Amino acid sequence: MKELNDLKMKVLDLLKEDARRSPSLLATLLGVSEDEVTTAIAELESDHVIVKYSAVVNWSKIEDEKVTALIEVQITPERGRGFEGIAERIYLYPQVKSVYLMSGAYDLLVEVEGHNLREVANFVSEKLSPIESVLSTKTNFILKKYKQDGIILEDHEEDTRLMISP
């Protein structure tokens, strides 16, 4: 693992908050030149520290809502490769958004997205469960997202009730 200098860490923190910030704005916020920021970003991208810029979407606000499931997977590690080969086999499916190696009662946590419950259920029964090393799965459907990637997705309503005094 590579240790990053202070400027690169600050650039990462600011881009994590809002990836739309321009190099000139970042330079102003950090008190450095725009060239320094542009160079730092280019190096972070070429070193695959920054791998993608993306938007956080609140799918509940549009009609094309997605169904997301978190699947707990118990597996038997492969000889010589451990969990790597199975994790790779799983993350190559387009429905899979994230795969994490976990400590605790299960080995992998797999985040899957589909258009409906049946699509996710079919993925689990037809693609995931038949993998030879998979011992068991437990599917948890996300019913509502309140906060994602540090962003609160709910609109807050002010409490307009009158105060009751004795």
Protein backbone atom coordinates (compact mmCIF):
# COMPACT_ATOMS: atom_id res chain seq x y z
CA MET A 1 0.00 0.00 0.00
CA LYS A 2 1.17 3.46 -0.87
CA GLU A 3 1.36 6.27 1.68
CA LEU A 4 -0.10 9.51 0.35
CA ASN A 5 1.19 12.99 1.03
CA ASP A 6 -0.92 15.55 2.87
CA LEU A 7 -2.08 17.37 -0.28
CA LYS A 8 -3.35 14.18 -1.91
CA MET A 9 -5.24 13.18 1.26
CA LYS A 10 -6.90 16.61 1.42
CA VAL A 11 -7.81 16.42 -2.29
CA LEU A 12 -9.37 12.99 -1.69
CA ASP A 13 -11.38 14.25 1.27
CA LEU A 14 -12.73 17.20 -0.70
CA LEU A 15 -13.56 15.10 -3.78
CA LYS A 16 -15.27 12.50 -1.59
CA GLU A 17 -17.58 15.24 -0.30
CA ASP A 18 -18.29 16.51 -3.83
CA ALA A 19 -16.61 15.04 -6.91
CA ARG A 20 -17.83 17.96 -9.03
CA ARG A 21 -15.37 20.38 -7.43
CA SER A 22 -13.03 21.79 -10.04
CA PRO A 23 -9.24 21.80 -9.65
CA SER A 24 -9.36 25.61 -9.39
CA LEU A 25 -11.86 25.46 -6.51
CA LEU A 26 -9.84 22.72 -4.79
CA ALA A 27 -6.69 24.83 -5.18
CA THR A 28 -8.43 27.80 -3.60
CA LEU A 29 -9.78 25.70 -0.72
CA LEU A 30 -6.35 24.17 -0.08
CA GLY A 31 -4.26 27.29 -0.64
CA VAL A 32 -2.11 25.72 -3.36
CA SER A 33 -1.75 26.18 -7.11
CA GLU A 34 -4.19 24.67 -9.57
CA ASP A 35 -1.27 22.83 -11.25
CA GLU A 36 -0.43 21.11 -7.95
CA VAL A 37 -4.04 19.94 -7.59
CA THR A 38 -4.26 18.80 -11.23
CA THR A 39 -1.01 16.83 -10.84
CA ALA A 40 -2.20 15.27 -7.57
CA ILE A 41 -5.51 14.20 -9.15
CA ALA A 42 -3.76 12.76 -12.22
CA GLU A 43 -1.41 10.74 -9.99
CA LEU A 44 -4.29 9.50 -7.82
CA GLU A 45 -6.14 8.37 -10.95
CA SER A 46 -3.11 6.68 -12.53
CA ASP A 47 -2.34 4.87 -9.25
CA HIS A 48 -5.99 3.70 -9.10
CA VAL A 49 -6.56 5.43 -5.79
CA ILE A 50 -9.38 7.32 -7.50
CA VAL A 51 -11.11 4.64 -9.54
CA LYS A 52 -14.37 6.35 -10.50
CA TYR A 53 -16.45 9.49 -10.08
CA SER A 54 -20.13 8.82 -9.50
CA ALA A 55 -23.39 10.35 -8.37
CA VAL A 56 -25.37 9.27 -5.32
CA VAL A 57 -28.90 8.66 -6.62
CA ASN A 58 -31.99 8.59 -4.43
CA TRP A 59 -33.89 5.99 -6.47
CA SER A 60 -37.01 6.38 -4.32
CA LYS A 61 -37.57 9.81 -5.92
CA ILE A 62 -38.15 8.40 -9.41
CA GLU A 63 -40.42 5.73 -10.85
CA ASP A 64 -37.56 3.50 -12.01
CA GLU A 65 -36.85 2.42 -8.44
CA LYS A 66 -34.28 -0.32 -7.90
CA VAL A 67 -34.44 -3.22 -5.47
CA THR A 68 -31.27 -3.74 -3.46
CA ALA A 69 -30.38 -6.80 -1.42
CA LEU A 70 -27.50 -7.56 0.90
CA ILE A 71 -26.67 -11.24 0.72
CA GLU A 72 -24.68 -12.96 3.43
CA VAL A 73 -22.69 -15.79 1.86
CA GLN A 74 -20.87 -18.62 3.63
CA ILE A 75 -18.22 -20.25 1.45
CA THR A 76 -15.48 -22.82 1.56
CA PRO A 77 -12.19 -21.09 0.66
CA GLU A 78 -10.29 -22.49 -2.33
CA ARG A 79 -6.93 -24.11 -1.74
CA GLY A 80 -4.13 -21.70 -2.64
CA ARG A 81 -6.46 -18.75 -3.40
CA GLY A 82 -8.61 -18.52 -0.29
CA PHE A 83 -11.61 -16.28 -0.85
CA GLU A 84 -10.17 -14.37 -3.83
CA GLY A 85 -11.29 -16.69 -6.64
CA ILE A 86 -14.85 -17.03 -5.38
CA ALA A 87 -15.15 -13.29 -4.71
CA GLU A 88 -13.94 -12.59 -8.25
CA ARG A 89 -16.40 -15.06 -9.74
CA ILE A 90 -19.23 -13.34 -7.85
CA TYR A 91 -18.25 -9.70 -8.52
CA LEU A 92 -18.08 -10.27 -12.28
CA TYR A 93 -21.89 -10.58 -12.47
CA PRO A 94 -23.42 -7.26 -13.60
CA GLN A 95 -26.12 -7.40 -10.88
CA VAL A 96 -23.44 -7.33 -8.18
CA LYS A 97 -22.63 -3.82 -6.98
CA SER A 98 -20.24 -4.64 -4.10
CA VAL A 99 -18.54 -7.65 -2.50
CA TYR A 100 -16.91 -7.50 0.93
CA LEU A 101 -14.88 -10.09 2.86
CA MET A 102 -16.34 -10.08 6.37
CA SER A 103 -15.51 -11.31 9.82
CA GLY A 104 -18.21 -13.04 11.82
CA ALA A 105 -20.95 -15.52 10.95
CA TYR A 106 -20.56 -15.32 7.16
CA ASP A 107 -17.64 -14.82 4.79
CA LEU A 108 -18.82 -12.49 2.03
CA LEU A 109 -21.39 -9.70 1.95
CA VAL A 110 -22.71 -9.25 -1.58
CA GLU A 111 -24.75 -6.20 -2.60
CA VAL A 112 -27.04 -6.97 -5.53
CA GLU A 113 -29.33 -4.62 -7.43
CA GLY A 114 -32.29 -5.55 -9.61
CA HIS A 115 -35.48 -4.10 -11.03
CA ASN A 116 -37.71 -6.22 -8.76
CA LEU A 117 -37.65 -8.88 -6.03
CA ARG A 118 -37.96 -11.73 -8.49
CA GLU A 119 -34.88 -10.61 -10.44
CA VAL A 120 -32.77 -10.59 -7.27
CA ALA A 121 -34.23 -13.92 -6.12
CA ASN A 122 -33.43 -15.48 -9.51
CA PHE A 123 -29.85 -14.24 -9.26
CA VAL A 124 -29.45 -15.89 -5.85
CA SER A 125 -31.05 -19.20 -6.89
CA GLU A 126 -29.63 -19.49 -10.42
CA LYS A 127 -26.21 -17.83 -10.22
CA LEU A 128 -24.98 -17.49 -6.64
CA SER A 129 -26.21 -20.59 -4.81
CA PRO A 130 -25.05 -23.10 -7.48
CA ILE A 131 -21.40 -22.02 -7.12
CA GLU A 132 -19.66 -25.10 -5.76
CA SER A 133 -17.92 -23.32 -2.86
CA VAL A 134 -21.07 -21.57 -1.65
CA LEU A 135 -22.37 -23.30 1.48
CA SER A 136 -25.31 -21.00 2.26
CA THR A 137 -26.85 -17.64 1.53
CA LYS A 138 -29.11 -15.31 3.48
CA THR A 139 -30.80 -12.53 1.52
CA ASN A 140 -31.79 -9.27 3.19
CA PHE A 141 -33.78 -6.83 1.06
CA ILE A 142 -33.28 -3.14 1.74
CA LEU A 143 -36.70 -1.65 2.35
CA LYS A 144 -35.69 2.00 2.62
CA LYS A 145 -32.44 3.95 2.50
CA TYR A 146 -32.12 6.81 4.95
CA LYS A 147 -28.44 7.61 4.41
CA GLN A 148 -26.03 6.47 1.70
CA ASP A 149 -22.34 7.31 1.30
CA GLY A 150 -22.64 9.96 4.01
CA ILE A 151 -25.60 11.64 2.29
CA ILE A 152 -28.98 11.86 4.07
CA LEU A 153 -31.60 10.88 1.50
CA GLU A 154 -34.72 11.85 3.43
CA ASP A 155 -36.31 15.30 3.24
CA HIS A 156 -36.56 16.74 6.72
CA GLU A 157 -39.83 18.32 7.71
CA GLU A 158 -39.78 20.95 10.38
CA ASP A 159 -41.83 20.20 13.48
CA THR A 160 -44.64 22.78 13.21
CA ARG A 161 -46.65 21.58 16.20
CA LEU A 162 -47.43 24.14 18.86
CA MET A 163 -45.73 23.73 22.17
CA ILE A 164 -48.00 22.67 25.04
CA SER A 165 -47.44 24.58 28.22
CA PRO A 166 -48.86 23.56 31.61
